[in-house]
Amino acid sequence: MGVEIIFKIAAIGILTTVINQILSHAGKSEIATLTNLAGLVIVLAMVLSMIGELFENVKLLFNLF
């Protein structure tokens, strides 16, 4: 799980930025904001799953529970 997660997050950021610029120039700023929020939610879900895996590994490492 090394560098590929950074590339995925960067790709989502670039994609949402491009969509935001296109929608902003088209006068659809509300939809552009929703697109940014959707990208943020996707990235947060990815990060939260990684944090969950980290806690599981720490529990296994120290034989907790």
C-alpha atoms as a PDB file:
ATOM      1  CA  MET A   1       0.000   0.000   0.000  1.00  0.00           C
ATOM      2  CA  GLY A   2       2.803   2.489  -0.603  1.00  0.00           C
ATOM      3  CA  VAL A   3       2.916   5.167  -3.231  1.00  0.00           C
ATOM      4  CA  GLU A   4      -0.188   4.069  -5.132  1.00  0.00           C
ATOM      5  CA  ILE A   5      -2.509   5.548  -2.491  1.00  0.00           C
ATOM      6  CA  ILE A   6      -0.807   8.934  -2.928  1.00  0.00           C
ATOM      7  CA  PHE A   7      -1.302   8.677  -6.682  1.00  0.00           C
ATOM      8  CA  LYS A   8      -4.988   7.795  -6.212  1.00  0.00           C
ATOM      9  CA  ILE A   9      -5.549  10.783  -3.922  1.00  0.00           C
ATOM     10  CA  ALA A  10      -3.683  13.066  -6.339  1.00  0.00           C
ATOM     11  CA  ALA A  11      -5.736  11.771  -9.278  1.00  0.00           C
ATOM     12  CA  ILE A  12      -8.981  12.454  -7.427  1.00  0.00           C
ATOM     13  CA  GLY A  13      -7.754  15.944  -6.567  1.00  0.00           C
ATOM     14  CA  ILE A  14      -6.775  16.723 -10.153  1.00  0.00           C
ATOM     15  CA  LEU A  15     -10.052  15.345 -11.490  1.00  0.00           C
ATOM     16  CA  THR A  16     -12.177  17.352  -9.086  1.00  0.00           C
ATOM     17  CA  THR A  17     -10.155  20.494  -9.834  1.00  0.00           C
ATOM     18  CA  VAL A  18     -10.691  20.110 -13.578  1.00  0.00           C
ATOM     19  CA  ILE A  19     -14.403  19.473 -13.126  1.00  0.00           C
ATOM     20  CA  ASN A  20     -14.612  22.440 -10.754  1.00  0.00           C
ATOM     21  CA  GLN A  21     -12.991  24.773 -13.290  1.00  0.00           C
ATOM     22  CA  ILE A  22     -15.228  23.579 -16.117  1.00  0.00           C
ATOM     23  CA  LEU A  23     -18.392  23.981 -14.052  1.00  0.00           C
ATOM     24  CA  SER A  24     -17.322  27.362 -12.653  1.00  0.00           C
ATOM     25  CA  HIS A  25     -16.736  28.780 -16.120  1.00  0.00           C
ATOM     26  CA  ALA A  26     -20.113  27.432 -17.192  1.00  0.00           C
ATOM     27  CA  GLY A  27     -21.790  29.302 -14.343  1.00  0.00           C
ATOM     28  CA  LYS A  28     -22.644  26.221 -12.324  1.00  0.00           C
ATOM     29  CA  SER A  29     -20.788  27.107  -9.129  1.00  0.00           C
ATOM     30  CA  GLU A  30     -23.224  25.209  -6.880  1.00  0.00           C
ATOM     31  CA  ILE A  31     -22.638  21.965  -8.731  1.00  0.00           C
ATOM     32  CA  ALA A  32     -18.887  22.651  -8.709  1.00  0.00           C
ATOM     33  CA  THR A  33     -18.992  22.933  -4.930  1.00  0.00           C
ATOM     34  CA  LEU A  34     -20.894  19.659  -4.661  1.00  0.00           C
ATOM     35  CA  THR A  35     -18.305  18.013  -6.899  1.00  0.00           C
ATOM     36  CA  ASN A  36     -15.526  19.196  -4.609  1.00  0.00           C
ATOM     37  CA  LEU A  37     -17.385  17.870  -1.586  1.00  0.00           C
ATOM     38  CA  ALA A  38     -17.866  14.513  -3.299  1.00  0.00           C
ATOM     39  CA  GLY A  39     -14.132  14.295  -4.005  1.00  0.00           C
ATOM     40  CA  LEU A  40     -13.378  15.149  -0.388  1.00  0.00           C
ATOM     41  CA  VAL A  41     -15.757  12.462   0.873  1.00  0.00           C
ATOM     42  CA  ILE A  42     -14.158   9.857  -1.389  1.00  0.00           C
ATOM     43  CA  VAL A  43     -10.660  10.720  -0.173  1.00  0.00           C
ATOM     44  CA  LEU A  44     -11.775  10.746   3.463  1.00  0.00           C
ATOM     45  CA  ALA A  45     -13.350   7.307   3.040  1.00  0.00           C
ATOM     46  CA  MET A  46     -10.080   6.001   1.614  1.00  0.00           C
ATOM     47  CA  VAL A  47      -8.078   7.489   4.480  1.00  0.00           C
ATOM     48  CA  LEU A  48     -10.486   6.202   7.122  1.00  0.00           C
ATOM     49  CA  SER A  49     -10.239   2.670   5.790  1.00  0.00           C
ATOM     50  CA  MET A  50      -6.453   2.934   5.931  1.00  0.00           C
ATOM     51  CA  ILE A  51      -6.627   4.163   9.542  1.00  0.00           C
ATOM     52  CA  GLY A  52      -8.877   1.218  10.391  1.00  0.00           C
ATOM     53  CA  GLU A  53      -6.315  -1.163   8.921  1.00  0.00           C
ATOM     54  CA  LEU A  54      -3.589   0.573  10.920  1.00  0.00           C
ATOM     55  CA  PHE A  55      -5.491   0.054  14.187  1.00  0.00           C
ATOM     56  CA  GLU A  56      -6.068  -3.605  13.330  1.00  0.00           C
ATOM     57  CA  ASN A  57      -2.351  -4.073  12.686  1.00  0.00           C
ATOM     58  CA  VAL A  58      -1.458  -2.372  15.974  1.00  0.00           C
ATOM     59  CA  LYS A  59      -3.891  -4.618  17.844  1.00  0.00           C
ATOM     60  CA  LEU A  60      -2.367  -7.684  16.212  1.00  0.00           C
ATOM     61  CA  LEU A  61       1.150  -6.477  16.905  1.00  0.00           C
ATOM     62  CA  PHE A  62       0.614  -5.930  20.623  1.00  0.00           C
ATOM     63  CA  ASN A  63      -1.906  -8.781  21.066  1.00  0.00           C
ATOM     64  CA  LEU A  64      -4.623  -6.461  22.298  1.00  0.00           C
ATOM     65  CA  PHE A  65      -8.155  -7.804  22.756  1.00  0.00           C
END
